[in-house]
Amino acid sequence: EVDYWRAYKILQRMLKAGLISEEEFDKIDKLNL
């Protein structure tokens, strides 16, 4: 649980900073799940 939420928060920051797209965010999040 902790590992997933850490990864999720990092993904959110990357998305907000423009480092990844919405599509990339969704793909990576599905892999993390």
PDB file of all heavy atoms in Angstrom:
ATOM      1  N   GLU A   1       0.837  -1.209   0.000  1.00  0.00           N
ATOM      2  CA  GLU A   1       0.000   0.000   0.000  1.00  0.00           C
ATOM      3  C   GLU A   1       0.871   1.258   0.000  1.00  0.00           C
ATOM      4  O   GLU A   1       0.667   2.168  -0.801  1.00  0.00           O
ATOM      5  CB  GLU A   1      -0.917   0.041   1.227  1.00  0.00           C
ATOM      6  CG  GLU A   1      -1.988  -1.000   1.257  1.00  0.00           C
ATOM      7  CD  GLU A   1      -3.066  -0.784   0.205  1.00  0.00           C
ATOM      8  OE1 GLU A   1      -3.425   0.376  -0.085  1.00  0.00           O
ATOM      9  OE2 GLU A   1      -3.557  -1.789  -0.320  1.00  0.00           O
ATOM     10  N   VAL A   2       1.827   1.291   0.902  1.00  0.00           N
ATOM     11  CA  VAL A   2       2.714   2.450   1.023  1.00  0.00           C
ATOM     12  C   VAL A   2       3.505   2.654  -0.264  1.00  0.00           C
ATOM     13  O   VAL A   2       3.604   3.772  -0.770  1.00  0.00           O
ATOM     14  CB  VAL A   2       3.653   2.296   2.242  1.00  0.00           C
ATOM     15  CG1 VAL A   2       4.731   3.360   2.253  1.00  0.00           C
ATOM     16  CG2 VAL A   2       2.850   2.326   3.538  1.00  0.00           C
ATOM     17  N   ASP A   3       4.039   1.573  -0.798  1.00  0.00           N
ATOM     18  CA  ASP A   3       4.827   1.669  -2.028  1.00  0.00           C
ATOM     19  C   ASP A   3       3.982   2.187  -3.190  1.00  0.00           C
ATOM     20  O   ASP A   3       4.431   3.020  -3.978  1.00  0.00           O
ATOM     21  CB  ASP A   3       5.441   0.315  -2.390  1.00  0.00           C
ATOM     22  CG  ASP A   3       6.520  -0.117  -1.413  1.00  0.00           C
ATOM     23  OD1 ASP A   3       7.015   0.725  -0.646  1.00  0.00           O
ATOM     24  OD2 ASP A   3       6.859  -1.322  -1.411  1.00  0.00           O
ATOM     25  N   TYR A   4       2.751   1.680  -3.302  1.00  0.00           N
ATOM     26  CA  TYR A   4       1.884   2.148  -4.379  1.00  0.00           C
ATOM     27  C   TYR A   4       1.598   3.634  -4.231  1.00  0.00           C
ATOM     28  O   TYR A   4       1.706   4.386  -5.199  1.00  0.00           O
ATOM     29  CB  TYR A   4       0.560   1.371  -4.425  1.00  0.00           C
ATOM     30  CG  TYR A   4      -0.396   2.017  -5.395  1.00  0.00           C
ATOM     31  CD1 TYR A   4      -0.224   1.851  -6.767  1.00  0.00           C
ATOM     32  CD2 TYR A   4      -1.426   2.847  -4.950  1.00  0.00           C
ATOM     33  CE1 TYR A   4      -1.060   2.488  -7.677  1.00  0.00           C
ATOM     34  CE2 TYR A   4      -2.265   3.483  -5.847  1.00  0.00           C
ATOM     35  CZ  TYR A   4      -2.084   3.302  -7.202  1.00  0.00           C
ATOM     36  OH  TYR A   4      -2.907   3.942  -8.098  1.00  0.00           O
ATOM     37  N   TRP A   5       1.236   4.086  -3.038  1.00  0.00           N
ATOM     38  CA  TRP A   5       0.875   5.495  -2.852  1.00  0.00           C
ATOM     39  C   TRP A   5       2.070   6.417  -3.041  1.00  0.00           C
ATOM     40  O   TRP A   5       1.912   7.530  -3.543  1.00  0.00           O
ATOM     41  CB  TRP A   5       0.175   5.713  -1.515  1.00  0.00           C
ATOM     42  CG  TRP A   5      -1.210   5.152  -1.579  1.00  0.00           C
ATOM     43  CD1 TRP A   5      -1.678   4.029  -0.949  1.00  0.00           C
ATOM     44  CD2 TRP A   5      -2.301   5.630  -2.370  1.00  0.00           C
ATOM     45  NE1 TRP A   5      -2.976   3.796  -1.302  1.00  0.00           N
ATOM     46  CE2 TRP A   5      -3.390   4.761  -2.173  1.00  0.00           C
ATOM     47  CE3 TRP A   5      -2.457   6.707  -3.242  1.00  0.00           C
ATOM     48  CZ2 TRP A   5      -4.620   4.948  -2.798  1.00  0.00           C
ATOM     49  CZ3 TRP A   5      -3.694   6.894  -3.864  1.00  0.00           C
ATOM     50  CH2 TRP A   5      -4.752   6.021  -3.636  1.00  0.00           C
ATOM     51  N   ARG A   6       3.240   5.954  -2.689  1.00  0.00           N
ATOM     52  CA  ARG A   6       4.443   6.757  -2.970  1.00  0.00           C
ATOM     53  C   ARG A   6       4.639   6.909  -4.474  1.00  0.00           C
ATOM     54  O   ARG A   6       4.908   8.001  -4.974  1.00  0.00           O
ATOM     55  CB  ARG A   6       5.683   6.112  -2.356  1.00  0.00           C
ATOM     56  CG  ARG A   6       5.822   6.325  -0.887  1.00  0.00           C
ATOM     57  CD  ARG A   6       7.099   5.704  -0.392  1.00  0.00           C
ATOM     58  NE  ARG A   6       7.229   5.890   1.030  1.00  0.00           N
ATOM     59  CZ  ARG A   6       8.006   5.160   1.803  1.00  0.00           C
ATOM     60  NH1 ARG A   6       8.739   4.199   1.279  1.00  0.00           N
ATOM     61  NH2 ARG A   6       8.067   5.387   3.094  1.00  0.00           N
ATOM     62  N   ALA A   7       4.524   5.812  -5.192  1.00  0.00           N
ATOM     63  CA  ALA A   7       4.677   5.844  -6.643  1.00  0.00           C
ATOM     64  C   ALA A   7       3.598   6.723  -7.271  1.00  0.00           C
ATOM     65  O   ALA A   7       3.875   7.484  -8.203  1.00  0.00           O
ATOM     66  CB  ALA A   7       4.613   4.425  -7.213  1.00  0.00           C
ATOM     67  N   TYR A   8       2.389   6.645  -6.757  1.00  0.00           N
ATOM     68  CA  TYR A   8       1.285   7.442  -7.278  1.00  0.00           C
ATOM     69  C   TYR A   8       1.547   8.930  -7.091  1.00  0.00           C
ATOM     70  O   TYR A   8       1.326   9.729  -8.005  1.00  0.00           O
ATOM     71  CB  TYR A   8      -0.013   7.026  -6.582  1.00  0.00           C
ATOM     72  CG  TYR A   8      -1.242   7.714  -7.143  1.00  0.00           C
ATOM     73  CD1 TYR A   8      -1.837   7.252  -8.312  1.00  0.00           C
ATOM     74  CD2 TYR A   8      -1.817   8.801  -6.493  1.00  0.00           C
ATOM     75  CE1 TYR A   8      -2.960   7.866  -8.837  1.00  0.00           C
ATOM     76  CE2 TYR A   8      -2.940   9.424  -7.006  1.00  0.00           C
ATOM     77  CZ  TYR A   8      -3.510   8.949  -8.170  1.00  0.00           C
ATOM     78  OH  TYR A   8      -4.618   9.569  -8.687  1.00  0.00           O
ATOM     79  N   LYS A   9       2.018   9.306  -5.924  1.00  0.00           N
ATOM     80  CA  LYS A   9       2.319  10.712  -5.647  1.00  0.00           C
ATOM     81  C   LYS A   9       3.452  11.227  -6.546  1.00  0.00           C
ATOM     82  O   LYS A   9       3.410  12.360  -7.026  1.00  0.00           O
ATOM     83  CB  LYS A   9       2.680  10.921  -4.174  1.00  0.00           C
ATOM     84  CG  LYS A   9       1.501  10.819  -3.247  1.00  0.00           C
ATOM     85  CD  LYS A   9       0.516  11.905  -3.597  1.00  0.00           C
ATOM     86  CE  LYS A   9      -0.611  11.991  -2.621  1.00  0.00           C
ATOM     87  NZ  LYS A   9      -1.588  13.015  -2.984  1.00  0.00           N
ATOM     88  N   ILE A  10       4.447  10.391  -6.783  1.00  0.00           N
ATOM     89  CA  ILE A  10       5.539  10.780  -7.683  1.00  0.00           C
ATOM     90  C   ILE A  10       4.998  10.980  -9.098  1.00  0.00           C
ATOM     91  O   ILE A  10       5.334  11.958  -9.767  1.00  0.00           O
ATOM     92  CB  ILE A  10       6.673   9.729  -7.664  1.00  0.00           C
ATOM     93  CG1 ILE A  10       7.385   9.759  -6.310  1.00  0.00           C
ATOM     94  CG2 ILE A  10       7.655   9.966  -8.806  1.00  0.00           C
ATOM     95  CD1 ILE A  10       8.317   8.589  -6.079  1.00  0.00           C
ATOM     96  N   LEU A  11       4.128  10.071  -9.540  1.00  0.00           N
ATOM     97  CA  LEU A  11       3.518  10.210 -10.865  1.00  0.00           C
ATOM     98  C   LEU A  11       2.720  11.500 -10.972  1.00  0.00           C
ATOM     99  O   LEU A  11       2.787  12.200 -11.991  1.00  0.00           O
ATOM    100  CB  LEU A  11       2.577   9.032 -11.143  1.00  0.00           C
ATOM    101  CG  LEU A  11       3.178   7.770 -11.713  1.00  0.00           C
ATOM    102  CD1 LEU A  11       2.094   6.715 -11.909  1.00  0.00           C
ATOM    103  CD2 LEU A  11       3.880   8.045 -13.019  1.00  0.00           C
ATOM    104  N   GLN A  12       1.973  11.826  -9.922  1.00  0.00           N
ATOM    105  CA  GLN A  12       1.204  13.072  -9.935  1.00  0.00           C
ATOM    106  C   GLN A  12       2.117  14.283 -10.084  1.00  0.00           C
ATOM    107  O   GLN A  12       1.811  15.203 -10.842  1.00  0.00           O
ATOM    108  CB  GLN A  12       0.385  13.216  -8.654  1.00  0.00           C
ATOM    109  CG  GLN A  12      -0.855  12.371  -8.616  1.00  0.00           C
ATOM    110  CD  GLN A  12      -1.650  12.608  -7.357  1.00  0.00           C
ATOM    111  OE1 GLN A  12      -1.110  12.773  -6.263  1.00  0.00           O
ATOM    112  NE2 GLN A  12      -2.965  12.610  -7.493  1.00  0.00           N
ATOM    113  N   ARG A  13       3.222  14.271  -9.362  1.00  0.00           N
ATOM    114  CA  ARG A  13       4.168  15.390  -9.459  1.00  0.00           C
ATOM    115  C   ARG A  13       4.773  15.485 -10.858  1.00  0.00           C
ATOM    116  O   ARG A  13       4.958  16.578 -11.393  1.00  0.00           O
ATOM    117  CB  ARG A  13       5.272  15.243  -8.418  1.00  0.00           C
ATOM    118  CG  ARG A  13       4.803  15.500  -7.017  1.00  0.00           C
ATOM    119  CD  ARG A  13       5.956  15.472  -6.038  1.00  0.00           C
ATOM    120  NE  ARG A  13       5.452  15.262  -4.707  1.00  0.00           N
ATOM    121  CZ  ARG A  13       5.950  14.395  -3.843  1.00  0.00           C
ATOM    122  NH1 ARG A  13       7.008  13.663  -4.163  1.00  0.00           N
ATOM    123  NH2 ARG A  13       5.424  14.263  -2.648  1.00  0.00           N
ATOM    124  N   MET A  14       5.089  14.326 -11.433  1.00  0.00           N
ATOM    125  CA  MET A  14       5.653  14.317 -12.785  1.00  0.00           C
ATOM    126  C   MET A  14       4.644  14.855 -13.799  1.00  0.00           C
ATOM    127  O   MET A  14       5.009  15.618 -14.690  1.00  0.00           O
ATOM    128  CB  MET A  14       6.090  12.899 -13.161  1.00  0.00           C
ATOM    129  CG  MET A  14       7.285  12.405 -12.375  1.00  0.00           C
ATOM    130  SD  MET A  14       7.670  10.671 -12.702  1.00  0.00           S
ATOM    131  CE  MET A  14       8.325  10.780 -14.362  1.00  0.00           C
ATOM    132  N   LEU A  15       3.389  14.470 -13.650  1.00  0.00           N
ATOM    133  CA  LEU A  15       2.335  14.950 -14.536  1.00  0.00           C
ATOM    134  C   LEU A  15       2.170  16.461 -14.387  1.00  0.00           C
ATOM    135  O   LEU A  15       2.117  17.189 -15.383  1.00  0.00           O
ATOM    136  CB  LEU A  15       1.020  14.231 -14.223  1.00  0.00           C
ATOM    137  CG  LEU A  15      -0.193  14.639 -15.047  1.00  0.00           C
ATOM    138  CD1 LEU A  15       0.032  14.336 -16.526  1.00  0.00           C
ATOM    139  CD2 LEU A  15      -1.436  13.941 -14.532  1.00  0.00           C
ATOM    140  N   LYS A  16       2.116  16.923 -13.169  1.00  0.00           N
ATOM    141  CA  LYS A  16       1.938  18.353 -12.891  1.00  0.00           C
ATOM    142  C   LYS A  16       3.112  19.184 -13.442  1.00  0.00           C
ATOM    143  O   LYS A  16       2.928  20.297 -13.924  1.00  0.00           O
ATOM    144  CB  LYS A  16       1.799  18.574 -11.394  1.00  0.00           C
ATOM    145  CG  LYS A  16       1.317  19.939 -11.012  1.00  0.00           C
ATOM    146  CD  LYS A  16       1.031  20.012  -9.527  1.00  0.00           C
ATOM    147  CE  LYS A  16       0.435  21.356  -9.173  1.00  0.00           C
ATOM    148  NZ  LYS A  16       0.066  21.432  -7.766  1.00  0.00           N
ATOM    149  N   ALA A  17       4.312  18.603 -13.393  1.00  0.00           N
ATOM    150  CA  ALA A  17       5.501  19.298 -13.891  1.00  0.00           C
ATOM    151  C   ALA A  17       5.641  19.202 -15.411  1.00  0.00           C
ATOM    152  O   ALA A  17       6.556  19.780 -15.990  1.00  0.00           O
ATOM    153  CB  ALA A  17       6.751  18.731 -13.216  1.00  0.00           C
ATOM    154  N   GLY A  18       4.763  18.451 -16.051  1.00  0.00           N
ATOM    155  CA  GLY A  18       4.812  18.324 -17.502  1.00  0.00           C
ATOM    156  C   GLY A  18       5.836  17.318 -17.990  1.00  0.00           C
ATOM    157  O   GLY A  18       6.168  17.297 -19.174  1.00  0.00           O
ATOM    158  N   LEU A  19       6.332  16.475 -17.086  1.00  0.00           N
ATOM    159  CA  LEU A  19       7.334  15.483 -17.472  1.00  0.00           C
ATOM    160  C   LEU A  19       6.731  14.264 -18.155  1.00  0.00           C
ATOM    161  O   LEU A  19       7.411  13.560 -18.901  1.00  0.00           O
ATOM    162  CB  LEU A  19       8.130  15.045 -16.238  1.00  0.00           C
ATOM    163  CG  LEU A  19       8.909  16.161 -15.536  1.00  0.00           C
ATOM    164  CD1 LEU A  19       9.503  15.652 -14.239  1.00  0.00           C
ATOM    165  CD2 LEU A  19       9.987  16.695 -16.457  1.00  0.00           C
ATOM    166  N   ILE A  20       5.440  14.011 -17.880  1.00  0.00           N
ATOM    167  CA  ILE A  20       4.729  12.905 -18.525  1.00  0.00           C
ATOM    168  C   ILE A  20       3.354  13.405 -18.949  1.00  0.00           C
ATOM    169  O   ILE A  20       2.830  14.376 -18.407  1.00  0.00           O
ATOM    170  CB  ILE A  20       4.589  11.664 -17.608  1.00  0.00           C
ATOM    171  CG1 ILE A  20       3.834  12.010 -16.316  1.00  0.00           C
ATOM    172  CG2 ILE A  20       5.941  11.032 -17.312  1.00  0.00           C
ATOM    173  CD1 ILE A  20       3.514  10.813 -15.436  1.00  0.00           C
ATOM    174  N   SER A  21       2.759  12.708 -19.915  1.00  0.00           N
ATOM    175  CA  SER A  21       1.425  13.060 -20.393  1.00  0.00           C
ATOM    176  C   SER A  21       0.376  12.304 -19.566  1.00  0.00           C
ATOM    177  O   SER A  21       0.704  11.403 -18.793  1.00  0.00           O
ATOM    178  CB  SER A  21       1.281  12.683 -21.870  1.00  0.00           C
ATOM    179  OG  SER A  21       1.283  11.266 -22.011  1.00  0.00           O
ATOM    180  N   GLU A  22      -0.896  12.680 -19.777  1.00  0.00           N
ATOM    181  CA  GLU A  22      -2.004  11.979 -19.105  1.00  0.00           C
ATOM    182  C   GLU A  22      -2.002  10.497 -19.497  1.00  0.00           C
ATOM    183  O   GLU A  22      -2.226   9.632 -18.654  1.00  0.00           O
ATOM    184  CB  GLU A  22      -3.346  12.608 -19.494  1.00  0.00           C
ATOM    185  CG  GLU A  22      -3.586  13.964 -18.926  1.00  0.00           C
ATOM    186  CD  GLU A  22      -4.303  13.924 -17.592  1.00  0.00           C
ATOM    187  OE1 GLU A  22      -4.845  12.873 -17.220  1.00  0.00           O
ATOM    188  OE2 GLU A  22      -4.301  14.977 -16.933  1.00  0.00           O
ATOM    189  N   GLU A  23      -1.750  10.229 -20.772  1.00  0.00           N
ATOM    190  CA  GLU A  23      -1.715   8.836 -21.245  1.00  0.00           C
ATOM    191  C   GLU A  23      -0.615   8.050 -20.545  1.00  0.00           C
ATOM    192  O   GLU A  23      -0.819   6.912 -20.127  1.00  0.00           O
ATOM    193  CB  GLU A  23      -1.489   8.784 -22.758  1.00  0.00           C
ATOM    194  CG  GLU A  23      -2.702   9.105 -23.574  1.00  0.00           C
ATOM    195  CD  GLU A  23      -2.431   8.978 -25.061  1.00  0.00           C
ATOM    196  OE1 GLU A  23      -1.407   8.369 -25.458  1.00  0.00           O
ATOM    197  OE2 GLU A  23      -3.256   9.495 -25.841  1.00  0.00           O
ATOM    198  N   GLU A  24       0.566   8.659 -20.452  1.00  0.00           N
ATOM    199  CA  GLU A  24       1.683   7.992 -19.776  1.00  0.00           C
ATOM    200  C   GLU A  24       1.359   7.778 -18.298  1.00  0.00           C
ATOM    201  O   GLU A  24       1.645   6.716 -17.748  1.00  0.00           O
ATOM    202  CB  GLU A  24       2.960   8.811 -19.920  1.00  0.00           C
ATOM    203  CG  GLU A  24       3.489   8.843 -21.338  1.00  0.00           C
ATOM    204  CD  GLU A  24       4.588   9.859 -21.555  1.00  0.00           C
ATOM    205  OE1 GLU A  24       4.474  10.991 -21.019  1.00  0.00           O
ATOM    206  OE2 GLU A  24       5.556   9.516 -22.255  1.00  0.00           O
ATOM    207  N   PHE A  25       0.745   8.775 -17.680  1.00  0.00           N
ATOM    208  CA  PHE A  25       0.343   8.653 -16.285  1.00  0.00           C
ATOM    209  C   PHE A  25      -0.568   7.440 -16.096  1.00  0.00           C
ATOM    210  O   PHE A  25      -0.351   6.615 -15.210  1.00  0.00           O
ATOM    211  CB  PHE A  25      -0.374   9.934 -15.825  1.00  0.00           C
ATOM    212  CG  PHE A  25      -0.901   9.867 -14.419  1.00  0.00           C
ATOM    213  CD1 PHE A  25      -0.123  10.283 -13.353  1.00  0.00           C
ATOM    214  CD2 PHE A  25      -2.180   9.395 -14.154  1.00  0.00           C
ATOM    215  CE1 PHE A  25      -0.607  10.222 -12.047  1.00  0.00           C
ATOM    216  CE2 PHE A  25      -2.671   9.321 -12.865  1.00  0.00           C
ATOM    217  CZ  PHE A  25      -1.880   9.746 -11.803  1.00  0.00           C
ATOM    218  N   ASP A  26      -1.600   7.340 -16.945  1.00  0.00           N
ATOM    219  CA  ASP A  26      -2.551   6.231 -16.842  1.00  0.00           C
ATOM    220  C   ASP A  26      -1.881   4.878 -17.064  1.00  0.00           C
ATOM    221  O   ASP A  26      -2.157   3.919 -16.327  1.00  0.00           O
ATOM    222  CB  ASP A  26      -3.697   6.418 -17.838  1.00  0.00           C
ATOM    223  CG  ASP A  26      -4.603   7.588 -17.474  1.00  0.00           C
ATOM    224  OD1 ASP A  26      -4.614   8.004 -16.295  1.00  0.00           O
ATOM    225  OD2 ASP A  26      -5.294   8.098 -18.381  1.00  0.00           O
ATOM    226  N   LYS A  27      -1.003   4.798 -18.064  1.00  0.00           N
ATOM    227  CA  LYS A  27      -0.309   3.537 -18.351  1.00  0.00           C
ATOM    228  C   LYS A  27       0.577   3.113 -17.174  1.00  0.00           C
ATOM    229  O   LYS A  27       0.561   1.952 -16.761  1.00  0.00           O
ATOM    230  CB  LYS A  27       0.550   3.656 -19.608  1.00  0.00           C
ATOM    231  CG  LYS A  27      -0.234   3.646 -20.887  1.00  0.00           C
ATOM    232  CD  LYS A  27       0.700   3.768 -22.079  1.00  0.00           C
ATOM    233  CE  LYS A  27      -0.053   3.859 -23.383  1.00  0.00           C
ATOM    234  NZ  LYS A  27       0.839   4.001 -24.539  1.00  0.00           N
ATOM    235  N   ILE A  28       1.336   4.061 -16.655  1.00  0.00           N
ATOM    236  CA  ILE A  28       2.244   3.742 -15.551  1.00  0.00           C
ATOM    237  C   ILE A  28       1.448   3.376 -14.302  1.00  0.00           C
ATOM    238  O   ILE A  28       1.795   2.433 -13.583  1.00  0.00           O
ATOM    239  CB  ILE A  28       3.212   4.913 -15.273  1.00  0.00           C
ATOM    240  CG1 ILE A  28       4.118   5.145 -16.481  1.00  0.00           C
ATOM    241  CG2 ILE A  28       4.050   4.644 -14.019  1.00  0.00           C
ATOM    242  CD1 ILE A  28       4.898   6.454 -16.429  1.00  0.00           C
ATOM    243  N   ASP A  29       0.357   4.098 -14.058  1.00  0.00           N
ATOM    244  CA  ASP A  29      -0.460   3.795 -12.882  1.00  0.00           C
ATOM    245  C   ASP A  29      -1.055   2.389 -12.976  1.00  0.00           C
ATOM    246  O   ASP A  29      -1.085   1.655 -11.982  1.00  0.00           O
ATOM    247  CB  ASP A  29      -1.560   4.838 -12.705  1.00  0.00           C
ATOM    248  CG  ASP A  29      -2.307   4.678 -11.395  1.00  0.00           C
ATOM    249  OD1 ASP A  29      -1.628   4.506 -10.348  1.00  0.00           O
ATOM    250  OD2 ASP A  29      -3.543   4.720 -11.402  1.00  0.00           O
ATOM    251  N   LYS A  30      -1.500   1.997 -14.165  1.00  0.00           N
ATOM    252  CA  LYS A  30      -2.036   0.640 -14.342  1.00  0.00           C
ATOM    253  C   LYS A  30      -0.953  -0.409 -14.072  1.00  0.00           C
ATOM    254  O   LYS A  30      -1.216  -1.438 -13.444  1.00  0.00           O
ATOM    255  CB  LYS A  30      -2.616   0.468 -15.740  1.00  0.00           C
ATOM    256  CG  LYS A  30      -3.952   1.145 -15.901  1.00  0.00           C
ATOM    257  CD  LYS A  30      -4.495   0.992 -17.299  1.00  0.00           C
ATOM    258  CE  LYS A  30      -5.773   1.791 -17.438  1.00  0.00           C
ATOM    259  NZ  LYS A  30      -6.304   1.784 -18.793  1.00  0.00           N
ATOM    260  N   LEU A  31       0.265  -0.135 -14.535  1.00  0.00           N
ATOM    261  CA  LEU A  31       1.368  -1.054 -14.257  1.00  0.00           C
ATOM    262  C   LEU A  31       1.659  -1.121 -12.754  1.00  0.00           C
ATOM    263  O   LEU A  31       1.910  -2.201 -12.206  1.00  0.00           O
ATOM    264  CB  LEU A  31       2.630  -0.629 -15.011  1.00  0.00           C
ATOM    265  CG  LEU A  31       2.637  -0.860 -16.509  1.00  0.00           C
ATOM    266  CD1 LEU A  31       3.851  -0.188 -17.139  1.00  0.00           C
ATOM    267  CD2 LEU A  31       2.633  -2.353 -16.815  1.00  0.00           C
ATOM    268  N   ASN A  32       1.614   0.036 -12.101  1.00  0.00           N
ATOM    269  CA  ASN A  32       1.849   0.065 -10.650  1.00  0.00           C
ATOM    270  C   ASN A  32       0.769  -0.698  -9.893  1.00  0.00           C
ATOM    271  O   ASN A  32       1.058  -1.374  -8.903  1.00  0.00           O
ATOM    272  CB  ASN A  32       1.935   1.508 -10.143  1.00  0.00           C
ATOM    273  CG  ASN A  32       3.240   2.164 -10.498  1.00  0.00           C
ATOM    274  OD1 ASN A  32       4.213   1.497 -10.833  1.00  0.00           O
ATOM    275  ND2 ASN A  32       3.265   3.489 -10.447  1.00  0.00           N
ATOM    276  N   LEU A  33      -0.470  -0.605 -10.354  1.00  0.00           N
ATOM    277  CA  LEU A  33      -1.551  -1.364  -9.709  1.00  0.00           C
ATOM    278  C   LEU A  33      -1.290  -2.866  -9.808  1.00  0.00           C
ATOM    279  O   LEU A  33      -1.521  -3.608  -8.851  1.00  0.00           O
ATOM    280  CB  LEU A  33      -2.898  -1.013 -10.341  1.00  0.00           C
ATOM    281  CG  LEU A  33      -3.493   0.328  -9.949  1.00  0.00           C
ATOM    282  CD1 LEU A  33      -4.672   0.672 -10.844  1.00  0.00           C
ATOM    283  CD2 LEU A  33      -3.916   0.309  -8.487  1.00  0.00           C
TER     284      LEU A  33
END
